[in-house]
Amino acid sequence: MKTVAVIQSNYIPWKGYFDIIHDVDTFIFYDDVQFTKNSWRNRNKIKSSNGTNWISIPVGTDLNRLICEVAISDRRWQEKHWKTIEQFYKKTSYFKLYKDFFSEIYLDQTWENLSELNQHLVKRISTELLGIKTKFEDSRSYQSHGTKTDRLVEVLTKAGANIYLSGPAAESYMNENLLRENGIILKYKNYAGYPEYPQLYPPFQHDVSIIDLLFNVGPETPYYIWGWREK
């Protein structure tokens, strides 16, 4: 049985995103779909001494674009984001361990496309920092057609999926019957039960970028995402 997830790329996403990646055989970035404003595609949250801070990549407000078409024209955000991350995480236990990994991405490379940046970050964090063995693909390679669930089913079928793992937010609009008719079992990821970890600037919050977890617990990060379920 082959388990597949099909999800839009997010900017330094939270731990639940990587939990899904860990649970599937193939993770497909779904970036040839509509870009949405004020979404996780170009922003995320970090902890700061003033509470939770949004860090956003400036990409304009044009909604007539697919995610893979979103250009990044102003490079100044890269240094700004890195300085913000450094400011609020330099006192964490594992900032020095990951400093070079992230500073190289922010300061030594120039990113001109949102999808390319997001996918690069997700794949490298998954494989190099979390030890995930999942295969990564891009939905554009399947040349799918149609809209919503019809198109999703086409991608899943071409990918050879038997099980589709979806985030819980999709339950309100997912056409489960169409998936079933095509021989695909639908499962929803359960994000409940994540253990808290040592986090700067209380109160504790789960819904922040993966970098918060990495900088605070380092090599123990996989335990706080999926390892705790195996105890």
C-alpha atoms as a PDB file:
ATOM      1  CA  MET A   1       0.000   0.000   0.000  1.00  0.00           C
ATOM      2  CA  LYS A   2       1.397   3.363  -1.044  1.00  0.00           C
ATOM      3  CA  THR A   3       0.525   6.403   1.078  1.00  0.00           C
ATOM      4  CA  VAL A   4       0.723   9.819  -0.573  1.00  0.00           C
ATOM      5  CA  ALA A   5       0.195  13.413   0.579  1.00  0.00           C
ATOM      6  CA  VAL A   6      -0.460  16.297  -1.843  1.00  0.00           C
ATOM      7  CA  ILE A   7       0.018  19.677  -0.189  1.00  0.00           C
ATOM      8  CA  GLN A   8       0.923  23.221  -1.215  1.00  0.00           C
ATOM      9  CA  SER A   9       4.418  24.306  -0.240  1.00  0.00           C
ATOM     10  CA  ASN A  10       4.625  26.447   2.891  1.00  0.00           C
ATOM     11  CA  TYR A  11       7.307  28.800   4.144  1.00  0.00           C
ATOM     12  CA  ILE A  12       9.276  27.185   7.015  1.00  0.00           C
ATOM     13  CA  PRO A  13       6.102  25.302   8.065  1.00  0.00           C
ATOM     14  CA  TRP A  14       5.130  24.080  11.517  1.00  0.00           C
ATOM     15  CA  LYS A  15       5.897  20.611  12.873  1.00  0.00           C
ATOM     16  CA  GLY A  16       2.565  19.126  11.730  1.00  0.00           C
ATOM     17  CA  TYR A  17       3.592  19.632   8.091  1.00  0.00           C
ATOM     18  CA  PHE A  18       6.701  17.532   8.669  1.00  0.00           C
ATOM     19  CA  ASP A  19       4.652  14.987  10.611  1.00  0.00           C
ATOM     20  CA  ILE A  20       2.621  14.350   7.457  1.00  0.00           C
ATOM     21  CA  ILE A  21       5.779  14.122   5.349  1.00  0.00           C
ATOM     22  CA  HIS A  22       7.159  11.504   7.733  1.00  0.00           C
ATOM     23  CA  ASP A  23       3.949   9.445   7.526  1.00  0.00           C
ATOM     24  CA  VAL A  24       3.837   9.026   3.735  1.00  0.00           C
ATOM     25  CA  ASP A  25       5.821   7.209   1.078  1.00  0.00           C
ATOM     26  CA  THR A  26       5.606  10.100  -1.377  1.00  0.00           C
ATOM     27  CA  PHE A  27       4.998  13.770  -0.639  1.00  0.00           C
ATOM     28  CA  ILE A  28       3.826  15.815  -3.632  1.00  0.00           C
ATOM     29  CA  PHE A  29       4.135  19.598  -3.614  1.00  0.00           C
ATOM     30  CA  TYR A  30       0.874  20.969  -5.038  1.00  0.00           C
ATOM     31  CA  ASP A  31       2.105  24.338  -6.278  1.00  0.00           C
ATOM     32  CA  ASP A  32       0.355  24.610  -9.651  1.00  0.00           C
ATOM     33  CA  VAL A  33      -2.801  25.825  -7.899  1.00  0.00           C
ATOM     34  CA  GLN A  34      -4.109  29.264  -6.961  1.00  0.00           C
ATOM     35  CA  PHE A  35      -1.958  31.432  -4.726  1.00  0.00           C
ATOM     36  CA  THR A  36      -3.857  32.818  -1.748  1.00  0.00           C
ATOM     37  CA  LYS A  37      -3.067  36.015   0.129  1.00  0.00           C
ATOM     38  CA  ASN A  38      -2.265  35.953   3.857  1.00  0.00           C
ATOM     39  CA  SER A  39      -1.659  32.206   3.878  1.00  0.00           C
ATOM     40  CA  TRP A  40       1.132  29.904   5.022  1.00  0.00           C
ATOM     41  CA  ARG A  41       2.612  29.973   1.525  1.00  0.00           C
ATOM     42  CA  ASN A  42       4.716  33.087   2.167  1.00  0.00           C
ATOM     43  CA  ARG A  43       4.664  33.596   5.921  1.00  0.00           C
ATOM     44  CA  ASN A  44       4.899  31.849   9.267  1.00  0.00           C
ATOM     45  CA  LYS A  45       5.103  32.517  12.987  1.00  0.00           C
ATOM     46  CA  ILE A  46       8.034  32.502  15.383  1.00  0.00           C
ATOM     47  CA  LYS A  47       8.234  33.125  19.133  1.00  0.00           C
ATOM     48  CA  SER A  48       9.626  36.434  20.291  1.00  0.00           C
ATOM     49  CA  SER A  49      10.014  38.343  23.539  1.00  0.00           C
ATOM     50  CA  ASN A  50       6.851  40.246  22.545  1.00  0.00           C
ATOM     51  CA  GLY A  51       4.763  37.152  21.861  1.00  0.00           C
ATOM     52  CA  THR A  52       4.252  35.575  18.455  1.00  0.00           C
ATOM     53  CA  ASN A  53       5.730  37.368  15.436  1.00  0.00           C
ATOM     54  CA  TRP A  54       4.779  36.881  11.802  1.00  0.00           C
ATOM     55  CA  ILE A  55       7.649  36.861   9.308  1.00  0.00           C
ATOM     56  CA  SER A  56       6.376  37.353   5.769  1.00  0.00           C
ATOM     57  CA  ILE A  57       8.021  37.242   2.351  1.00  0.00           C
ATOM     58  CA  PRO A  58       6.855  40.254   0.269  1.00  0.00           C
ATOM     59  CA  VAL A  59       5.291  38.886  -2.903  1.00  0.00           C
ATOM     60  CA  GLY A  60       2.639  41.479  -3.758  1.00  0.00           C
ATOM     61  CA  THR A  61      -1.126  41.130  -3.663  1.00  0.00           C
ATOM     62  CA  ASP A  62      -1.846  39.789  -7.162  1.00  0.00           C
ATOM     63  CA  LEU A  63      -4.151  36.777  -6.799  1.00  0.00           C
ATOM     64  CA  ASN A  64      -4.116  35.963 -10.499  1.00  0.00           C
ATOM     65  CA  ARG A  65      -1.145  33.611 -10.055  1.00  0.00           C
ATOM     66  CA  LEU A  66      -0.402  30.011  -9.291  1.00  0.00           C
ATOM     67  CA  ILE A  67       1.883  29.391  -6.331  1.00  0.00           C
ATOM     68  CA  CYS A  68       4.647  28.263  -8.690  1.00  0.00           C
ATOM     69  CA  GLU A  69       4.356  31.587 -10.549  1.00  0.00           C
ATOM     70  CA  VAL A  70       4.884  33.812  -7.506  1.00  0.00           C
ATOM     71  CA  ALA A  71       8.072  35.827  -8.015  1.00  0.00           C
ATOM     72  CA  ILE A  72      10.180  37.331  -5.252  1.00  0.00           C
ATOM     73  CA  SER A  73      11.558  40.602  -6.553  1.00  0.00           C
ATOM     74  CA  ASP A  74      12.960  42.224  -3.404  1.00  0.00           C
ATOM     75  CA  ARG A  75      15.909  40.398  -1.790  1.00  0.00           C
ATOM     76  CA  ARG A  76      16.019  42.633   1.296  1.00  0.00           C
ATOM     77  CA  TRP A  77      13.565  40.352   3.129  1.00  0.00           C
ATOM     78  CA  GLN A  78      16.212  37.595   3.283  1.00  0.00           C
ATOM     79  CA  GLU A  79      18.600  39.519   5.503  1.00  0.00           C
ATOM     80  CA  LYS A  80      15.700  40.947   7.519  1.00  0.00           C
ATOM     81  CA  HIS A  81      14.257  37.497   8.235  1.00  0.00           C
ATOM     82  CA  TRP A  82      17.624  36.101   9.206  1.00  0.00           C
ATOM     83  CA  LYS A  83      18.319  39.017  11.591  1.00  0.00           C
ATOM     84  CA  THR A  84      14.890  38.509  13.189  1.00  0.00           C
ATOM     85  CA  ILE A  85      15.473  34.773  13.589  1.00  0.00           C
ATOM     86  CA  GLU A  86      18.932  35.394  15.025  1.00  0.00           C
ATOM     87  CA  GLN A  87      17.631  38.034  17.418  1.00  0.00           C
ATOM     88  CA  PHE A  88      15.014  35.806  19.016  1.00  0.00           C
ATOM     89  CA  TYR A  89      16.728  32.409  18.841  1.00  0.00           C
ATOM     90  CA  LYS A  90      20.408  33.101  19.481  1.00  0.00           C
ATOM     91  CA  LYS A  91      19.919  32.223  23.165  1.00  0.00           C
ATOM     92  CA  THR A  92      18.360  28.823  22.459  1.00  0.00           C
ATOM     93  CA  SER A  93      20.284  25.644  23.223  1.00  0.00           C
ATOM     94  CA  TYR A  94      20.826  24.623  19.600  1.00  0.00           C
ATOM     95  CA  PHE A  95      21.028  27.862  17.645  1.00  0.00           C
ATOM     96  CA  LYS A  96      24.748  27.399  17.033  1.00  0.00           C
ATOM     97  CA  LEU A  97      24.168  23.867  15.727  1.00  0.00           C
ATOM     98  CA  TYR A  98      21.849  25.049  12.940  1.00  0.00           C
ATOM     99  CA  LYS A  99      23.116  28.590  12.421  1.00  0.00           C
ATOM    100  CA  ASP A 100      25.247  27.803   9.360  1.00  0.00           C
ATOM    101  CA  PHE A 101      22.501  25.688   7.777  1.00  0.00           C
ATOM    102  CA  PHE A 102      19.977  28.531   7.820  1.00  0.00           C
ATOM    103  CA  SER A 103      22.309  31.505   7.330  1.00  0.00           C
ATOM    104  CA  GLU A 104      23.580  29.902   4.107  1.00  0.00           C
ATOM    105  CA  ILE A 105      20.022  29.710   2.765  1.00  0.00           C
ATOM    106  CA  TYR A 106      19.151  33.265   3.785  1.00  0.00           C
ATOM    107  CA  LEU A 107      22.413  35.094   3.141  1.00  0.00           C
ATOM    108  CA  ASP A 108      24.352  33.131   0.527  1.00  0.00           C
ATOM    109  CA  GLN A 109      21.610  32.455  -2.005  1.00  0.00           C
ATOM    110  CA  THR A 110      19.199  34.670  -3.916  1.00  0.00           C
ATOM    111  CA  TRP A 111      15.625  33.443  -4.163  1.00  0.00           C
ATOM    112  CA  GLU A 112      13.460  34.671  -7.025  1.00  0.00           C
ATOM    113  CA  ASN A 113      10.570  32.182  -6.859  1.00  0.00           C
ATOM    114  CA  LEU A 114       8.439  31.384  -3.796  1.00  0.00           C
ATOM    115  CA  SER A 115       7.774  27.755  -4.683  1.00  0.00           C
ATOM    116  CA  GLU A 116      11.457  27.045  -5.270  1.00  0.00           C
ATOM    117  CA  LEU A 117      12.390  28.541  -1.906  1.00  0.00           C
ATOM    118  CA  ASN A 118       9.667  26.717   0.009  1.00  0.00           C
ATOM    119  CA  GLN A 119      10.385  23.357  -1.567  1.00  0.00           C
ATOM    120  CA  HIS A 120      14.117  23.770  -1.022  1.00  0.00           C
ATOM    121  CA  LEU A 121      13.645  24.534   2.675  1.00  0.00           C
ATOM    122  CA  VAL A 122      11.143  21.745   3.268  1.00  0.00           C
ATOM    123  CA  LYS A 123      13.221  19.098   1.509  1.00  0.00           C
ATOM    124  CA  ARG A 124      16.488  20.051   3.185  1.00  0.00           C
ATOM    125  CA  ILE A 125      14.989  20.330   6.669  1.00  0.00           C
ATOM    126  CA  SER A 126      13.258  16.979   6.181  1.00  0.00           C
ATOM    127  CA  THR A 127      16.250  15.045   4.906  1.00  0.00           C
ATOM    128  CA  GLU A 128      19.230  16.761   6.528  1.00  0.00           C
ATOM    129  CA  LEU A 129      17.843  17.799   9.917  1.00  0.00           C
ATOM    130  CA  LEU A 130      14.999  15.349  10.588  1.00  0.00           C
ATOM    131  CA  GLY A 131      16.269  12.236   8.825  1.00  0.00           C
ATOM    132  CA  ILE A 132      13.055  11.722   6.834  1.00  0.00           C
ATOM    133  CA  LYS A 133      13.325   9.226   3.946  1.00  0.00           C
ATOM    134  CA  THR A 134      10.113  10.191   2.117  1.00  0.00           C
ATOM    135  CA  LYS A 135      10.271  10.705  -1.647  1.00  0.00           C
ATOM    136  CA  PHE A 136       9.464  14.244  -2.839  1.00  0.00           C
ATOM    137  CA  GLU A 137       7.707  15.057  -6.097  1.00  0.00           C
ATOM    138  CA  ASP A 138       6.041  18.051  -7.763  1.00  0.00           C
ATOM    139  CA  SER A 139       2.462  17.925  -9.059  1.00  0.00           C
ATOM    140  CA  ARG A 140       3.528  19.713 -12.236  1.00  0.00           C
ATOM    141  CA  SER A 141       5.256  16.547 -13.368  1.00  0.00           C
ATOM    142  CA  TYR A 142       1.837  14.822 -13.580  1.00  0.00           C
ATOM    143  CA  GLN A 143       0.230  17.423 -15.864  1.00  0.00           C
ATOM    144  CA  SER A 144      -3.147  17.039 -14.163  1.00  0.00           C
ATOM    145  CA  HIS A 145      -6.367  18.745 -15.244  1.00  0.00           C
ATOM    146  CA  GLY A 146      -9.769  19.581 -13.815  1.00  0.00           C
ATOM    147  CA  THR A 147     -10.563  21.307 -10.545  1.00  0.00           C
ATOM    148  CA  LYS A 148     -10.522  20.499  -6.836  1.00  0.00           C
ATOM    149  CA  THR A 149     -10.998  16.817  -5.996  1.00  0.00           C
ATOM    150  CA  ASP A 150     -11.135  15.715  -9.655  1.00  0.00           C
ATOM    151  CA  ARG A 151      -7.653  17.066 -10.240  1.00  0.00           C
ATOM    152  CA  LEU A 152      -6.385  15.743  -6.919  1.00  0.00           C
ATOM    153  CA  VAL A 153      -7.634  12.253  -7.765  1.00  0.00           C
ATOM    154  CA  GLU A 154      -5.825  12.409 -11.107  1.00  0.00           C
ATOM    155  CA  VAL A 155      -2.544  13.295  -9.364  1.00  0.00           C
ATOM    156  CA  LEU A 156      -3.019  10.550  -6.782  1.00  0.00           C
ATOM    157  CA  THR A 157      -3.898   7.964  -9.431  1.00  0.00           C
ATOM    158  CA  LYS A 158      -0.869   8.821 -11.558  1.00  0.00           C
ATOM    159  CA  ALA A 159       1.295   8.650  -8.426  1.00  0.00           C
ATOM    160  CA  GLY A 160       0.021   5.144  -7.705  1.00  0.00           C
ATOM    161  CA  ALA A 161      -1.532   6.092  -4.367  1.00  0.00           C
ATOM    162  CA  ASN A 162      -3.637   3.608  -2.396  1.00  0.00           C
ATOM    163  CA  ILE A 163      -3.993   5.883   0.624  1.00  0.00           C
ATOM    164  CA  TYR A 164      -4.291   9.671   0.604  1.00  0.00           C
ATOM    165  CA  LEU A 165      -3.229  11.393   3.835  1.00  0.00           C
ATOM    166  CA  SER A 166      -4.791  14.835   4.149  1.00  0.00           C
ATOM    167  CA  GLY A 167      -4.625  17.612   6.686  1.00  0.00           C
ATOM    168  CA  PRO A 168      -7.769  17.814   8.867  1.00  0.00           C
ATOM    169  CA  ALA A 169      -8.831  21.218   7.461  1.00  0.00           C
ATOM    170  CA  ALA A 170      -9.786  19.571   4.149  1.00  0.00           C
ATOM    171  CA  GLU A 171     -12.539  17.498   5.746  1.00  0.00           C
ATOM    172  CA  SER A 172     -15.084  20.288   5.225  1.00  0.00           C
ATOM    173  CA  TYR A 173     -14.817  20.183   1.426  1.00  0.00           C
ATOM    174  CA  MET A 174     -13.222  16.861   0.436  1.00  0.00           C
ATOM    175  CA  ASN A 175     -15.243  14.603  -1.895  1.00  0.00           C
ATOM    176  CA  GLU A 176     -14.533  11.303  -0.166  1.00  0.00           C
ATOM    177  CA  ASN A 177     -16.846   9.359  -2.491  1.00  0.00           C
ATOM    178  CA  LEU A 178     -14.818  10.339  -5.554  1.00  0.00           C
ATOM    179  CA  LEU A 179     -11.652   9.110  -3.900  1.00  0.00           C
ATOM    180  CA  ARG A 180     -13.321   5.854  -2.896  1.00  0.00           C
ATOM    181  CA  GLU A 181     -14.663   5.308  -6.418  1.00  0.00           C
ATOM    182  CA  ASN A 182     -11.091   5.517  -7.675  1.00  0.00           C
ATOM    183  CA  GLY A 183      -9.826   3.004  -5.153  1.00  0.00           C
ATOM    184  CA  ILE A 184      -8.141   5.532  -2.872  1.00  0.00           C
ATOM    185  CA  ILE A 185      -8.565   5.390   0.905  1.00  0.00           C
ATOM    186  CA  LEU A 186      -8.831   8.814   2.551  1.00  0.00           C
ATOM    187  CA  LYS A 187      -7.214   9.364   5.934  1.00  0.00           C
ATOM    188  CA  TYR A 188      -6.953  12.588   7.921  1.00  0.00           C
ATOM    189  CA  LYS A 189      -3.917  13.503   9.957  1.00  0.00           C
ATOM    190  CA  ASN A 190      -4.543  13.988  13.661  1.00  0.00           C
ATOM    191  CA  TYR A 191      -2.445  16.753  15.176  1.00  0.00           C
ATOM    192  CA  ALA A 192      -3.640  16.177  18.744  1.00  0.00           C
ATOM    193  CA  GLY A 193      -1.318  15.243  21.572  1.00  0.00           C
ATOM    194  CA  TYR A 194       1.947  16.901  20.606  1.00  0.00           C
ATOM    195  CA  PRO A 195       4.063  17.181  23.771  1.00  0.00           C
ATOM    196  CA  GLU A 196       5.291  20.569  24.871  1.00  0.00           C
ATOM    197  CA  TYR A 197       9.022  21.236  24.766  1.00  0.00           C
ATOM    198  CA  PRO A 198      11.344  23.803  26.363  1.00  0.00           C
ATOM    199  CA  GLN A 199      10.374  26.999  24.545  1.00  0.00           C
ATOM    200  CA  LEU A 200      11.556  30.545  25.118  1.00  0.00           C
ATOM    201  CA  TYR A 201       9.090  33.342  25.854  1.00  0.00           C
ATOM    202  CA  PRO A 202       6.093  31.670  27.546  1.00  0.00           C
ATOM    203  CA  PRO A 203       3.223  30.895  27.283  1.00  0.00           C
ATOM    204  CA  PHE A 204       3.891  27.806  25.163  1.00  0.00           C
ATOM    205  CA  GLN A 205       2.517  27.705  21.616  1.00  0.00           C
ATOM    206  CA  HIS A 206       2.433  24.764  19.197  1.00  0.00           C
ATOM    207  CA  ASP A 207       1.549  26.598  15.975  1.00  0.00           C
ATOM    208  CA  VAL A 208       4.929  28.137  15.198  1.00  0.00           C
ATOM    209  CA  SER A 209       7.551  27.385  12.548  1.00  0.00           C
ATOM    210  CA  ILE A 210       9.643  24.210  12.737  1.00  0.00           C
ATOM    211  CA  ILE A 211      12.669  26.397  13.408  1.00  0.00           C
ATOM    212  CA  ASP A 212      11.352  27.047  16.927  1.00  0.00           C
ATOM    213  CA  LEU A 213      11.438  23.329  17.690  1.00  0.00           C
ATOM    214  CA  LEU A 214      14.823  22.794  16.038  1.00  0.00           C
ATOM    215  CA  PHE A 215      16.556  25.631  17.856  1.00  0.00           C
ATOM    216  CA  ASN A 216      15.102  24.633  21.225  1.00  0.00           C
ATOM    217  CA  VAL A 217      15.548  20.847  21.266  1.00  0.00           C
ATOM    218  CA  GLY A 218      17.984  20.131  18.417  1.00  0.00           C
ATOM    219  CA  PRO A 219      18.465  16.437  17.556  1.00  0.00           C
ATOM    220  CA  GLU A 220      15.482  15.543  19.762  1.00  0.00           C
ATOM    221  CA  THR A 221      13.129  17.311  17.323  1.00  0.00           C
ATOM    222  CA  PRO A 222      11.818  14.072  15.685  1.00  0.00           C
ATOM    223  CA  TYR A 223      10.686  12.830  19.109  1.00  0.00           C
ATOM    224  CA  TYR A 224       8.462  15.895  19.577  1.00  0.00           C
ATOM    225  CA  ILE A 225       6.917  15.454  16.107  1.00  0.00           C
ATOM    226  CA  TRP A 226       6.326  11.706  15.793  1.00  0.00           C
ATOM    227  CA  GLY A 227       8.629   9.824  18.169  1.00  0.00           C
ATOM    228  CA  TRP A 228       6.437  10.390  21.221  1.00  0.00           C
ATOM    229  CA  ARG A 229       3.703   8.229  19.670  1.00  0.00           C
ATOM    230  CA  GLU A 230       6.083   5.278  19.554  1.00  0.00           C
ATOM    231  CA  LYS A 231       6.758   5.227  23.310  1.00  0.00           C
END
